[in-house]
Amino acid sequence: MLVRAGNTWLRMAHVALLASVLTGCSQAAEGDDSEASARPSSTTATAKPSGPDDTAVSSGGTIGAAGSACELPVTFDTAKGWKAEAVKAELSQGPVTLACEIDAKPAGNIGFLRVWAGKPGDADARTVLKAFLAAEDGVSKEKYGTFTSGGLSGVKVEYLYASELLDETKKESAFAVATADGPVVVHLGGLDTDEHEEMLPAYELARRTLRTA
């Protein structure tokens, strides 16, 4: 029940956010017909599609260590302007529970980098990541790969998510590692595929700078 409740809560929040954005865009259009007036002006290096090795985004700090906004089994850099906040409510998806949300809105995008953490065990990163996706309805066309960072070996995935609430299919990404303190999944969604692509540099920054805490 926690899995379903957690997913429903996140998707309902997504819809509410979409409604807020559309209202804001409508109001902006009444005063200015330019496209720029309907979007925040603070988008910088994160506002262009990028590949896995893109390094254009600047670091705004590190989270994961004791005393940081989110204490996790791992540490990694967050993109400049993104705001991290620990999650208190128990929202689970598969073998992991939501521990931290890193909000892109202060940097000019609509979406979150979400960090999920699980209990220590014998499951490897691929098993955890597959279980994470299996717990979410609407996932298709998964493309898995591997990576290493900071002495950690992980598994990453790109896939399509068909949202029944938003009546659209969009791209999402996630990666997972297994640590002595339990598995960690880092997930990037976004309002739509365009927003997802714009936020990929922040996601890749987190993956490149990943270390054990």
N, C-alpha and C. Protein backbone atom coordinates (compact mmCIF):
# COMPACT_ATOMS: atom_id res chain seq x y z
N MET A 1 0.81 -1.21 0.00
CA MET A 1 0.00 0.00 0.00
C MET A 1 0.86 1.27 0.00
N LEU A 2 2.02 1.21 0.64
CA LEU A 2 2.88 2.39 0.66
C LEU A 2 3.35 2.74 -0.74
N VAL A 3 3.63 1.72 -1.53
CA VAL A 3 4.11 1.98 -2.88
C VAL A 3 3.06 2.72 -3.66
N ARG A 4 1.83 2.19 -3.69
CA ARG A 4 0.78 2.81 -4.47
C ARG A 4 0.47 4.20 -3.96
N ALA A 5 0.38 4.35 -2.63
CA ALA A 5 0.09 5.66 -2.05
C ALA A 5 1.18 6.65 -2.38
N GLY A 6 2.42 6.20 -2.33
CA GLY A 6 3.53 7.10 -2.62
C GLY A 6 3.52 7.56 -4.06
N ASN A 7 3.33 6.63 -4.99
CA ASN A 7 3.31 6.98 -6.41
C ASN A 7 2.15 7.91 -6.73
N THR A 8 0.98 7.62 -6.18
CA THR A 8 -0.18 8.46 -6.44
C THR A 8 0.05 9.87 -5.92
N TRP A 9 0.63 9.98 -4.73
CA TRP A 9 0.91 11.29 -4.16
C TRP A 9 1.85 12.09 -5.06
N LEU A 10 2.90 11.45 -5.56
CA LEU A 10 3.86 12.16 -6.39
C LEU A 10 3.24 12.60 -7.70
N ARG A 11 2.43 11.72 -8.32
CA ARG A 11 1.82 12.08 -9.60
C ARG A 11 0.76 13.15 -9.43
N MET A 12 -0.01 13.13 -8.32
CA MET A 12 -0.99 14.18 -8.07
C MET A 12 -0.30 15.52 -7.86
N ALA A 13 0.83 15.48 -7.16
CA ALA A 13 1.60 16.72 -6.97
C ALA A 13 2.10 17.23 -8.30
N HIS A 14 2.46 16.32 -9.19
CA HIS A 14 2.94 16.67 -10.53
C HIS A 14 1.84 17.40 -11.29
N VAL A 15 0.61 16.87 -11.23
CA VAL A 15 -0.51 17.50 -11.93
C VAL A 15 -0.80 18.88 -11.37
N ALA A 16 -0.77 19.02 -10.05
CA ALA A 16 -1.01 20.32 -9.43
C ALA A 16 0.03 21.32 -9.86
N LEU A 17 1.28 20.87 -9.97
CA LEU A 17 2.36 21.73 -10.40
C LEU A 17 2.15 22.17 -11.84
N LEU A 18 1.71 21.23 -12.69
CA LEU A 18 1.44 21.55 -14.09
C LEU A 18 0.37 22.61 -14.20
N ALA A 19 -0.71 22.47 -13.41
CA ALA A 19 -1.78 23.45 -13.44
C ALA A 19 -1.29 24.83 -13.05
N SER A 20 -0.42 24.88 -12.04
CA SER A 20 0.14 26.15 -11.58
C SER A 20 0.98 26.79 -12.66
N VAL A 21 1.79 25.98 -13.36
CA VAL A 21 2.65 26.50 -14.42
C VAL A 21 1.83 27.04 -15.56
N LEU A 22 0.78 26.30 -15.97
CA LEU A 22 -0.05 26.72 -17.08
C LEU A 22 -0.78 28.02 -16.75
N THR A 23 -1.23 28.17 -15.51
CA THR A 23 -1.88 29.40 -15.09
C THR A 23 -0.93 30.58 -15.16
N GLY A 24 0.29 30.35 -14.69
CA GLY A 24 1.30 31.41 -14.73
C GLY A 24 1.63 31.81 -16.15
N CYS A 25 1.71 30.83 -17.05
CA CYS A 25 2.02 31.13 -18.45
C CYS A 25 0.90 31.93 -19.08
N SER A 26 -0.36 31.59 -18.74
CA SER A 26 -1.51 32.30 -19.29
C SER A 26 -1.51 33.75 -18.87
N GLN A 27 -1.20 34.00 -17.60
CA GLN A 27 -1.15 35.36 -17.10
C GLN A 27 -0.04 36.16 -17.75
N ALA A 28 1.09 35.51 -17.97
CA ALA A 28 2.22 36.19 -18.59
C ALA A 28 1.88 36.56 -20.02
N ALA A 29 1.15 35.69 -20.72
CA ALA A 29 0.84 35.92 -22.12
C ALA A 29 -0.06 37.14 -22.30
N GLU A 30 -0.89 37.48 -21.29
CA GLU A 30 -1.77 38.62 -21.39
C GLU A 30 -0.98 39.92 -21.43
N GLY A 31 0.17 39.94 -20.82
CA GLY A 31 0.95 41.17 -20.77
C GLY A 31 2.08 41.20 -21.76
N ASP A 32 2.49 40.07 -22.32
CA ASP A 32 3.65 40.00 -23.19
C ASP A 32 3.51 38.76 -24.05
N ASP A 33 3.54 38.94 -25.37
CA ASP A 33 3.35 37.81 -26.28
C ASP A 33 4.60 36.99 -26.47
N SER A 34 5.75 37.45 -25.95
CA SER A 34 6.99 36.73 -26.18
C SER A 34 7.03 35.46 -25.36
N GLU A 35 7.66 34.40 -25.91
CA GLU A 35 7.78 33.12 -25.22
C GLU A 35 8.59 33.26 -23.95
N ALA A 36 9.56 34.16 -23.95
CA ALA A 36 10.44 34.32 -22.79
C ALA A 36 9.67 34.75 -21.56
N SER A 37 8.56 35.50 -21.77
CA SER A 37 7.84 35.99 -20.60
C SER A 37 7.11 34.89 -19.86
N ALA A 38 6.92 33.73 -20.49
CA ALA A 38 6.19 32.64 -19.87
C ALA A 38 7.08 31.65 -19.15
N ARG A 39 8.40 31.90 -19.13
CA ARG A 39 9.32 30.99 -18.45
C ARG A 39 10.26 31.78 -17.57
N PRO A 40 10.78 31.17 -16.51
CA PRO A 40 11.75 31.87 -15.67
C PRO A 40 12.96 32.28 -16.47
N SER A 41 13.58 33.40 -16.11
CA SER A 41 14.72 33.91 -16.87
C SER A 41 16.04 33.40 -16.33
N SER A 42 16.00 32.54 -15.30
CA SER A 42 17.23 32.13 -14.63
C SER A 42 17.84 30.86 -15.21
N THR A 43 17.28 30.33 -16.33
CA THR A 43 17.88 29.14 -16.92
C THR A 43 19.23 29.50 -17.50
N THR A 44 20.23 28.69 -17.21
CA THR A 44 21.57 28.96 -17.70
C THR A 44 22.07 27.74 -18.43
N ALA A 45 23.15 27.13 -17.93
CA ALA A 45 23.74 26.00 -18.64
C ALA A 45 22.85 24.78 -18.65
N THR A 46 21.91 24.69 -17.71
CA THR A 46 21.06 23.51 -17.66
C THR A 46 19.96 23.55 -18.71
N ALA A 47 19.83 24.66 -19.43
CA ALA A 47 18.69 24.83 -20.33
C ALA A 47 18.96 24.34 -21.74
N LYS A 48 19.86 23.40 -21.92
CA LYS A 48 20.07 22.81 -23.23
C LYS A 48 20.20 21.31 -23.11
N PRO A 49 19.69 20.58 -24.12
CA PRO A 49 19.84 19.13 -24.08
C PRO A 49 21.33 18.77 -24.03
N SER A 50 21.65 17.68 -23.40
CA SER A 50 23.05 17.31 -23.24
C SER A 50 23.21 15.82 -23.21
N GLY A 51 24.43 15.40 -23.45
CA GLY A 51 24.75 13.98 -23.39
C GLY A 51 25.29 13.62 -22.03
N PRO A 52 25.60 12.33 -21.82
CA PRO A 52 26.05 11.85 -20.51
C PRO A 52 27.32 12.50 -20.01
N ASP A 53 28.16 13.03 -20.92
CA ASP A 53 29.43 13.60 -20.50
C ASP A 53 29.40 15.12 -20.42
N ASP A 54 28.21 15.71 -20.50
CA ASP A 54 28.10 17.15 -20.45
C ASP A 54 28.58 17.67 -19.10
N THR A 55 29.44 18.70 -19.14
CA THR A 55 29.99 19.26 -17.90
C THR A 55 29.65 20.75 -17.78
N ALA A 56 28.65 21.23 -18.55
CA ALA A 56 28.34 22.65 -18.57
C ALA A 56 27.73 23.14 -17.27
N VAL A 57 27.04 22.28 -16.56
CA VAL A 57 26.37 22.70 -15.34
C VAL A 57 27.38 22.91 -14.21
N SER A 58 27.13 23.93 -13.39
CA SER A 58 28.03 24.24 -12.28
C SER A 58 27.51 23.59 -10.99
N SER A 59 28.43 23.21 -10.13
CA SER A 59 28.06 22.62 -8.85
C SER A 59 27.61 23.72 -7.88
N GLY A 60 26.53 23.41 -7.15
CA GLY A 60 26.05 24.35 -6.14
C GLY A 60 26.31 23.86 -4.73
N GLY A 61 27.02 22.74 -4.60
CA GLY A 61 27.28 22.18 -3.28
C GLY A 61 27.15 20.68 -3.28
N THR A 62 27.35 20.07 -2.14
CA THR A 62 27.31 18.61 -2.00
C THR A 62 26.30 18.23 -0.93
N ILE A 63 25.55 17.15 -1.19
CA ILE A 63 24.63 16.64 -0.18
C ILE A 63 24.96 15.18 0.12
N GLY A 64 24.41 14.68 1.22
CA GLY A 64 24.59 13.29 1.59
C GLY A 64 25.35 13.10 2.87
N ALA A 65 26.33 13.96 3.13
CA ALA A 65 27.14 13.84 4.35
C ALA A 65 26.35 14.32 5.56
N ALA A 66 26.80 13.93 6.74
CA ALA A 66 26.18 14.40 7.99
C ALA A 66 26.20 15.92 8.04
N GLY A 67 25.06 16.50 8.37
CA GLY A 67 24.97 17.95 8.45
C GLY A 67 24.50 18.62 7.18
N SER A 68 24.41 17.86 6.07
CA SER A 68 23.92 18.42 4.82
C SER A 68 22.39 18.39 4.80
N ALA A 69 21.79 18.97 3.79
CA ALA A 69 20.32 19.04 3.70
C ALA A 69 19.69 17.65 3.75
N CYS A 70 20.36 16.67 3.14
CA CYS A 70 19.88 15.28 3.15
C CYS A 70 21.04 14.37 3.54
N GLU A 71 20.89 13.61 4.60
CA GLU A 71 21.93 12.66 5.01
C GLU A 71 21.63 11.32 4.36
N LEU A 72 22.59 10.81 3.57
CA LEU A 72 22.37 9.63 2.73
C LEU A 72 23.55 8.67 2.83
N PRO A 73 23.41 7.45 2.30
CA PRO A 73 24.55 6.53 2.26
C PRO A 73 25.63 6.96 1.26
N VAL A 74 25.28 7.94 0.39
CA VAL A 74 26.22 8.44 -0.61
C VAL A 74 26.23 9.96 -0.56
N THR A 75 27.25 10.54 -1.18
CA THR A 75 27.30 11.99 -1.37
C THR A 75 27.42 12.27 -2.86
N PHE A 76 26.96 13.43 -3.29
CA PHE A 76 27.15 13.87 -4.67
C PHE A 76 26.88 15.36 -4.77
N ASP A 77 27.35 15.97 -5.85
CA ASP A 77 27.17 17.40 -6.07
C ASP A 77 25.78 17.67 -6.63
N THR A 78 25.19 18.77 -6.21
CA THR A 78 23.94 19.23 -6.79
C THR A 78 24.21 20.44 -7.68
N ALA A 79 23.39 20.60 -8.71
CA ALA A 79 23.58 21.71 -9.64
C ALA A 79 23.30 23.04 -8.96
N LYS A 80 23.98 24.06 -9.43
CA LYS A 80 23.82 25.40 -8.86
C LYS A 80 22.36 25.85 -8.98
N GLY A 81 21.80 26.32 -7.88
CA GLY A 81 20.44 26.82 -7.87
C GLY A 81 19.41 25.80 -7.45
N TRP A 82 19.73 24.50 -7.54
CA TRP A 82 18.79 23.47 -7.15
C TRP A 82 18.74 23.41 -5.62
N LYS A 83 17.55 23.18 -5.07
CA LYS A 83 17.38 23.18 -3.61
C LYS A 83 17.02 21.79 -3.10
N ALA A 84 17.86 21.26 -2.19
CA ALA A 84 17.64 19.93 -1.62
C ALA A 84 16.88 20.02 -0.31
N GLU A 85 15.99 19.05 -0.10
CA GLU A 85 15.22 19.00 1.14
C GLU A 85 14.95 17.54 1.50
N ALA A 86 15.21 17.19 2.75
CA ALA A 86 14.93 15.83 3.22
C ALA A 86 13.43 15.58 3.24
N VAL A 87 13.04 14.32 2.96
CA VAL A 87 11.63 13.93 2.95
C VAL A 87 11.34 13.14 4.22
N LYS A 88 10.36 13.59 4.97
CA LYS A 88 10.01 12.94 6.23
C LYS A 88 8.98 11.84 6.06
N ALA A 89 8.01 12.04 5.14
CA ALA A 89 6.95 11.05 4.95
C ALA A 89 7.51 9.77 4.33
N GLU A 90 6.93 8.63 4.68
CA GLU A 90 7.39 7.35 4.15
C GLU A 90 6.67 7.05 2.84
N LEU A 91 7.36 7.31 1.73
CA LEU A 91 6.84 7.03 0.40
C LEU A 91 7.78 6.01 -0.24
N SER A 92 7.30 4.81 -0.46
CA SER A 92 8.15 3.73 -0.95
C SER A 92 7.83 3.37 -2.39
N GLN A 93 8.85 2.92 -3.10
CA GLN A 93 8.68 2.38 -4.44
C GLN A 93 9.61 1.17 -4.56
N GLY A 94 9.02 -0.01 -4.64
CA GLY A 94 9.84 -1.21 -4.65
C GLY A 94 10.61 -1.34 -3.35
N PRO A 95 11.93 -1.59 -3.43
CA PRO A 95 12.72 -1.83 -2.22
C PRO A 95 13.28 -0.58 -1.56
N VAL A 96 12.92 0.60 -2.05
CA VAL A 96 13.52 1.84 -1.53
C VAL A 96 12.45 2.83 -1.10
N THR A 97 12.86 3.76 -0.24
CA THR A 97 11.96 4.78 0.31
C THR A 97 12.51 6.16 -0.01
N LEU A 98 11.63 7.08 -0.37
CA LEU A 98 12.05 8.43 -0.74
C LEU A 98 12.73 9.12 0.45
N ALA A 99 13.95 9.61 0.23
CA ALA A 99 14.72 10.23 1.31
C ALA A 99 15.02 11.70 1.07
N CYS A 100 15.06 12.12 -0.20
CA CYS A 100 15.49 13.48 -0.49
C CYS A 100 14.91 13.94 -1.83
N GLU A 101 14.46 15.19 -1.87
CA GLU A 101 14.01 15.80 -3.11
C GLU A 101 14.88 17.03 -3.40
N ILE A 102 15.38 17.12 -4.62
CA ILE A 102 16.21 18.25 -5.02
C ILE A 102 15.45 18.99 -6.11
N ASP A 103 14.95 20.16 -5.78
CA ASP A 103 14.00 20.90 -6.61
C ASP A 103 14.73 21.76 -7.64
N ALA A 104 14.32 21.64 -8.91
CA ALA A 104 14.95 22.40 -9.99
C ALA A 104 14.32 23.78 -10.20
N LYS A 105 13.19 24.06 -9.59
CA LYS A 105 12.48 25.32 -9.87
C LYS A 105 13.33 26.57 -9.59
N PRO A 106 14.11 26.60 -8.49
CA PRO A 106 14.93 27.81 -8.29
C PRO A 106 15.94 28.05 -9.41
N ALA A 107 16.28 27.01 -10.16
CA ALA A 107 17.23 27.14 -11.26
C ALA A 107 16.52 27.34 -12.60
N GLY A 108 15.18 27.34 -12.59
CA GLY A 108 14.46 27.66 -13.81
C GLY A 108 13.83 26.49 -14.54
N ASN A 109 13.79 25.32 -13.93
CA ASN A 109 13.17 24.16 -14.57
C ASN A 109 12.07 23.59 -13.69
N ILE A 110 11.21 22.76 -14.27
CA ILE A 110 10.12 22.14 -13.53
C ILE A 110 10.41 20.66 -13.38
N GLY A 111 10.81 20.25 -12.19
CA GLY A 111 11.11 18.85 -11.94
C GLY A 111 11.95 18.66 -10.70
N PHE A 112 12.18 17.40 -10.37
CA PHE A 112 12.96 17.06 -9.17
C PHE A 112 13.97 15.98 -9.49
N LEU A 113 15.10 16.02 -8.81
CA LEU A 113 16.00 14.88 -8.70
C LEU A 113 15.66 14.25 -7.36
N ARG A 114 15.15 13.02 -7.39
CA ARG A 114 14.71 12.37 -6.15
C ARG A 114 15.66 11.24 -5.79
N VAL A 115 15.99 11.15 -4.50
CA VAL A 115 16.90 10.13 -3.99
C VAL A 115 16.11 9.18 -3.11
N TRP A 116 16.20 7.90 -3.44
CA TRP A 116 15.50 6.85 -2.70
C TRP A 116 16.55 5.94 -2.05
N ALA A 117 16.33 5.54 -0.83
CA ALA A 117 17.30 4.70 -0.11
C ALA A 117 16.60 3.49 0.49
N GLY A 118 17.34 2.37 0.58
CA GLY A 118 16.80 1.13 1.12
C GLY A 118 17.63 0.59 2.26
N LYS A 119 17.18 -0.50 2.83
CA LYS A 119 17.89 -1.14 3.94
C LYS A 119 19.02 -2.02 3.42
N PRO A 120 20.08 -2.19 4.20
CA PRO A 120 21.19 -3.06 3.79
C PRO A 120 20.70 -4.47 3.47
N GLY A 121 21.34 -5.09 2.48
CA GLY A 121 20.97 -6.45 2.10
C GLY A 121 21.89 -6.96 1.02
N ASP A 122 21.51 -8.06 0.40
CA ASP A 122 22.37 -8.70 -0.60
C ASP A 122 22.04 -8.31 -2.03
N ALA A 123 20.97 -7.52 -2.24
CA ALA A 123 20.55 -7.18 -3.60
C ALA A 123 21.58 -6.27 -4.27
N ASP A 124 21.90 -6.59 -5.54
CA ASP A 124 22.84 -5.74 -6.28
C ASP A 124 22.09 -4.57 -6.91
N ALA A 125 22.84 -3.63 -7.50
CA ALA A 125 22.26 -2.40 -8.03
C ALA A 125 21.24 -2.67 -9.14
N ARG A 126 21.54 -3.62 -10.03
CA ARG A 126 20.62 -3.92 -11.13
C ARG A 126 19.30 -4.48 -10.60
N THR A 127 19.38 -5.38 -9.63
CA THR A 127 18.17 -5.95 -9.05
C THR A 127 17.32 -4.88 -8.40
N VAL A 128 17.95 -3.98 -7.67
CA VAL A 128 17.24 -2.89 -7.01
C VAL A 128 16.58 -1.98 -8.03
N LEU A 129 17.33 -1.61 -9.08
CA LEU A 129 16.80 -0.68 -10.07
C LEU A 129 15.63 -1.30 -10.84
N LYS A 130 15.74 -2.58 -11.17
CA LYS A 130 14.64 -3.25 -11.87
C LYS A 130 13.40 -3.35 -10.99
N ALA A 131 13.60 -3.59 -9.71
CA ALA A 131 12.47 -3.65 -8.79
C ALA A 131 11.83 -2.28 -8.62
N PHE A 132 12.64 -1.24 -8.65
CA PHE A 132 12.15 0.13 -8.55
C PHE A 132 11.23 0.46 -9.72
N LEU A 133 11.65 0.10 -10.94
CA LEU A 133 10.83 0.35 -12.13
C LEU A 133 9.61 -0.55 -12.17
N ALA A 134 9.76 -1.79 -11.72
CA ALA A 134 8.64 -2.73 -11.75
C ALA A 134 7.50 -2.27 -10.85
N ALA A 135 7.80 -1.47 -9.85
CA ALA A 135 6.78 -0.98 -8.92
C ALA A 135 6.03 0.22 -9.47
N GLU A 136 6.39 0.68 -10.66
CA GLU A 136 5.76 1.86 -11.26
C GLU A 136 5.01 1.46 -12.52
N ASP A 137 3.71 1.70 -12.57
CA ASP A 137 2.92 1.43 -13.77
C ASP A 137 3.30 2.41 -14.88
N GLY A 138 3.21 1.96 -16.12
CA GLY A 138 3.42 2.85 -17.25
C GLY A 138 4.84 2.93 -17.77
N VAL A 139 5.74 2.07 -17.29
CA VAL A 139 7.14 2.08 -17.72
C VAL A 139 7.32 1.19 -18.95
N SER A 140 8.09 1.69 -19.94
CA SER A 140 8.36 0.89 -21.14
C SER A 140 9.69 1.31 -21.77
N LYS A 141 10.19 0.46 -22.66
CA LYS A 141 11.39 0.74 -23.46
C LYS A 141 12.60 1.09 -22.60
N GLU A 142 12.83 0.29 -21.56
CA GLU A 142 13.97 0.50 -20.69
C GLU A 142 15.29 0.20 -21.41
N LYS A 143 16.28 1.05 -21.23
CA LYS A 143 17.62 0.85 -21.77
C LYS A 143 18.62 0.95 -20.61
N TYR A 144 19.19 -0.19 -20.24
CA TYR A 144 20.09 -0.26 -19.09
C TYR A 144 21.55 -0.11 -19.53
N GLY A 145 22.36 0.39 -18.61
CA GLY A 145 23.80 0.48 -18.81
C GLY A 145 24.50 0.45 -17.48
N THR A 146 25.82 0.45 -17.48
CA THR A 146 26.59 0.44 -16.23
C THR A 146 27.50 1.66 -16.18
N PHE A 147 27.97 1.98 -14.97
CA PHE A 147 28.88 3.09 -14.79
C PHE A 147 29.69 2.87 -13.51
N THR A 148 30.77 3.60 -13.37
CA THR A 148 31.55 3.61 -12.13
C THR A 148 31.81 5.05 -11.74
N SER A 149 31.81 5.32 -10.45
CA SER A 149 32.06 6.66 -9.94
C SER A 149 32.50 6.57 -8.49
N GLY A 150 33.61 7.18 -8.17
CA GLY A 150 34.08 7.22 -6.79
C GLY A 150 34.27 5.85 -6.17
N GLY A 151 34.67 4.88 -6.96
CA GLY A 151 34.85 3.54 -6.44
C GLY A 151 33.58 2.72 -6.38
N LEU A 152 32.46 3.29 -6.77
CA LEU A 152 31.19 2.59 -6.78
C LEU A 152 30.85 2.11 -8.18
N SER A 153 30.31 0.91 -8.29
CA SER A 153 29.82 0.38 -9.56
C SER A 153 28.30 0.45 -9.53
N GLY A 154 27.73 1.06 -10.56
CA GLY A 154 26.29 1.24 -10.56
C GLY A 154 25.65 0.85 -11.87
N VAL A 155 24.33 0.92 -11.89
CA VAL A 155 23.53 0.62 -13.08
C VAL A 155 22.62 1.81 -13.34
N LYS A 156 22.51 2.19 -14.60
CA LYS A 156 21.65 3.32 -14.98
C LYS A 156 20.61 2.86 -16.00
N VAL A 157 19.54 3.62 -16.14
CA VAL A 157 18.48 3.26 -17.06
C VAL A 157 17.80 4.52 -17.59
N GLU A 158 17.43 4.47 -18.87
CA GLU A 158 16.56 5.47 -19.48
C GLU A 158 15.31 4.73 -19.93
N TYR A 159 14.16 5.37 -19.80
CA TYR A 159 12.92 4.69 -20.16
C TYR A 159 11.83 5.71 -20.46
N LEU A 160 10.69 5.21 -20.91
CA LEU A 160 9.52 6.04 -21.15
C LEU A 160 8.49 5.76 -20.07
N TYR A 161 7.85 6.83 -19.62
CA TYR A 161 6.78 6.69 -18.64
C TYR A 161 5.49 7.24 -19.22
N ALA A 162 4.46 6.41 -19.27
CA ALA A 162 3.15 6.83 -19.77
C ALA A 162 2.30 7.26 -18.60
N SER A 163 2.04 8.55 -18.50
CA SER A 163 1.27 9.11 -17.39
C SER A 163 -0.21 9.11 -17.73
N GLU A 164 -1.00 8.36 -16.95
CA GLU A 164 -2.44 8.35 -17.15
C GLU A 164 -3.05 9.69 -16.72
N LEU A 165 -2.50 10.30 -15.69
CA LEU A 165 -3.03 11.56 -15.20
C LEU A 165 -2.80 12.70 -16.18
N LEU A 166 -1.64 12.70 -16.84
CA LEU A 166 -1.31 13.78 -17.77
C LEU A 166 -1.59 13.42 -19.22
N ASP A 167 -1.95 12.14 -19.48
CA ASP A 167 -2.26 11.67 -20.82
C ASP A 167 -1.11 11.94 -21.79
N GLU A 168 0.10 11.55 -21.41
CA GLU A 168 1.26 11.72 -22.27
C GLU A 168 2.34 10.72 -21.90
N THR A 169 3.28 10.52 -22.79
CA THR A 169 4.44 9.67 -22.52
C THR A 169 5.68 10.54 -22.51
N LYS A 170 6.51 10.36 -21.50
CA LYS A 170 7.69 11.20 -21.38
C LYS A 170 8.90 10.38 -20.95
N LYS A 171 10.07 10.94 -21.19
CA LYS A 171 11.32 10.28 -20.86
C LYS A 171 11.67 10.50 -19.39
N GLU A 172 12.20 9.45 -18.75
CA GLU A 172 12.70 9.55 -17.39
C GLU A 172 14.00 8.75 -17.28
N SER A 173 14.80 9.03 -16.26
CA SER A 173 16.09 8.36 -16.06
C SER A 173 16.31 8.06 -14.59
N ALA A 174 17.11 7.04 -14.33
CA ALA A 174 17.46 6.70 -12.95
C ALA A 174 18.77 5.93 -12.93
N PHE A 175 19.46 5.98 -11.79
CA PHE A 175 20.62 5.11 -11.59
C PHE A 175 20.61 4.59 -10.16
N ALA A 176 21.30 3.49 -9.95
CA ALA A 176 21.31 2.85 -8.63
C ALA A 176 22.69 2.33 -8.30
N VAL A 177 23.01 2.36 -7.00
CA VAL A 177 24.24 1.74 -6.49
C VAL A 177 23.88 1.00 -5.21
N ALA A 178 24.69 0.00 -4.88
CA ALA A 178 24.53 -0.73 -3.62
C ALA A 178 25.69 -0.36 -2.71
N THR A 179 25.38 0.03 -1.47
CA THR A 179 26.41 0.38 -0.50
C THR A 179 26.25 -0.48 0.75
N ALA A 180 27.22 -0.42 1.64
CA ALA A 180 27.14 -1.18 2.89
C ALA A 180 25.97 -0.72 3.75
N ASP A 181 25.52 0.53 3.54
CA ASP A 181 24.41 1.07 4.32
C ASP A 181 23.07 0.92 3.60
N GLY A 182 23.09 0.21 2.47
CA GLY A 182 21.85 -0.01 1.73
C GLY A 182 21.91 0.56 0.32
N PRO A 183 20.97 0.16 -0.53
CA PRO A 183 20.95 0.64 -1.91
C PRO A 183 20.44 2.08 -2.00
N VAL A 184 20.85 2.76 -3.06
CA VAL A 184 20.40 4.11 -3.34
C VAL A 184 19.98 4.20 -4.80
N VAL A 185 18.82 4.80 -5.04
CA VAL A 185 18.35 5.06 -6.40
C VAL A 185 18.18 6.57 -6.54
N VAL A 186 18.75 7.13 -7.61
CA VAL A 186 18.58 8.55 -7.92
C VAL A 186 17.76 8.63 -9.20
N HIS A 187 16.64 9.35 -9.15
CA HIS A 187 15.68 9.37 -10.25
C HIS A 187 15.44 10.80 -10.73
N LEU A 188 15.38 10.96 -12.05
CA LEU A 188 15.05 12.25 -12.65
C LEU A 188 13.81 12.10 -13.51
N GLY A 189 12.77 12.84 -13.16
CA GLY A 189 11.56 12.86 -13.98
C GLY A 189 11.51 14.14 -14.78
N GLY A 190 10.54 14.98 -14.49
CA GLY A 190 10.38 16.24 -15.19
C GLY A 190 8.95 16.43 -15.66
N LEU A 191 8.58 17.67 -15.91
CA LEU A 191 7.24 17.99 -16.37
C LEU A 191 6.91 17.27 -17.67
N ASP A 192 7.89 17.21 -18.58
CA ASP A 192 7.74 16.51 -19.85
C ASP A 192 9.14 16.16 -20.34
N THR A 193 9.22 15.59 -21.54
CA THR A 193 10.52 15.18 -22.07
C THR A 193 11.46 16.36 -22.27
N ASP A 194 10.94 17.50 -22.73
CA ASP A 194 11.79 18.67 -22.93
C ASP A 194 12.42 19.12 -21.62
N GLU A 195 11.61 19.19 -20.56
CA GLU A 195 12.16 19.57 -19.26
C GLU A 195 13.18 18.54 -18.78
N HIS A 196 12.88 17.28 -19.02
CA HIS A 196 13.80 16.21 -18.63
C HIS A 196 15.16 16.39 -19.30
N GLU A 197 15.15 16.65 -20.59
CA GLU A 197 16.40 16.84 -21.33
C GLU A 197 17.17 18.04 -20.81
N GLU A 198 16.46 19.11 -20.45
CA GLU A 198 17.14 20.31 -19.95
C GLU A 198 17.79 20.07 -18.58
N MET A 199 17.22 19.15 -17.82
CA MET A 199 17.75 18.89 -16.48
C MET A 199 18.79 17.77 -16.44
N LEU A 200 19.03 17.10 -17.56
CA LEU A 200 19.98 16.00 -17.58
C LEU A 200 21.38 16.37 -17.10
N PRO A 201 21.90 17.59 -17.39
CA PRO A 201 23.23 17.92 -16.87
C PRO A 201 23.33 17.83 -15.35
N ALA A 202 22.26 18.21 -14.64
CA ALA A 202 22.26 18.11 -13.17
C ALA A 202 22.26 16.66 -12.73
N TYR A 203 21.52 15.82 -13.44
CA TYR A 203 21.47 14.38 -13.15
C TYR A 203 22.84 13.75 -13.39
N GLU A 204 23.48 14.12 -14.50
CA GLU A 204 24.80 13.57 -14.82
C GLU A 204 25.86 14.07 -13.84
N LEU A 205 25.71 15.32 -13.37
CA LEU A 205 26.63 15.84 -12.36
C LEU A 205 26.56 14.98 -11.10
N ALA A 206 25.35 14.64 -10.68
CA ALA A 206 25.18 13.80 -9.50
C ALA A 206 25.84 12.44 -9.70
N ARG A 207 25.66 11.86 -10.87
CA ARG A 207 26.21 10.53 -11.14
C ARG A 207 27.75 10.57 -11.20
N ARG A 208 28.30 11.60 -11.83
CA ARG A 208 29.76 11.68 -11.95
C ARG A 208 30.46 11.91 -10.64
N THR A 209 29.79 12.61 -9.71
CA THR A 209 30.43 12.97 -8.44
C THR A 209 30.03 12.05 -7.30
N LEU A 210 29.35 10.96 -7.60
CA LEU A 210 28.84 10.04 -6.58
C LEU A 210 29.98 9.40 -5.80
N ARG A 211 29.86 9.38 -4.48
CA ARG A 211 30.83 8.76 -3.57
C ARG A 211 30.06 8.14 -2.39
N THR A 212 30.71 7.25 -1.68
CA THR A 212 30.09 6.77 -0.43
C THR A 212 30.24 7.86 0.63
N ALA A 213 29.24 7.97 1.49
CA ALA A 213 29.26 9.02 2.52
C ALA A 213 30.25 8.68 3.63
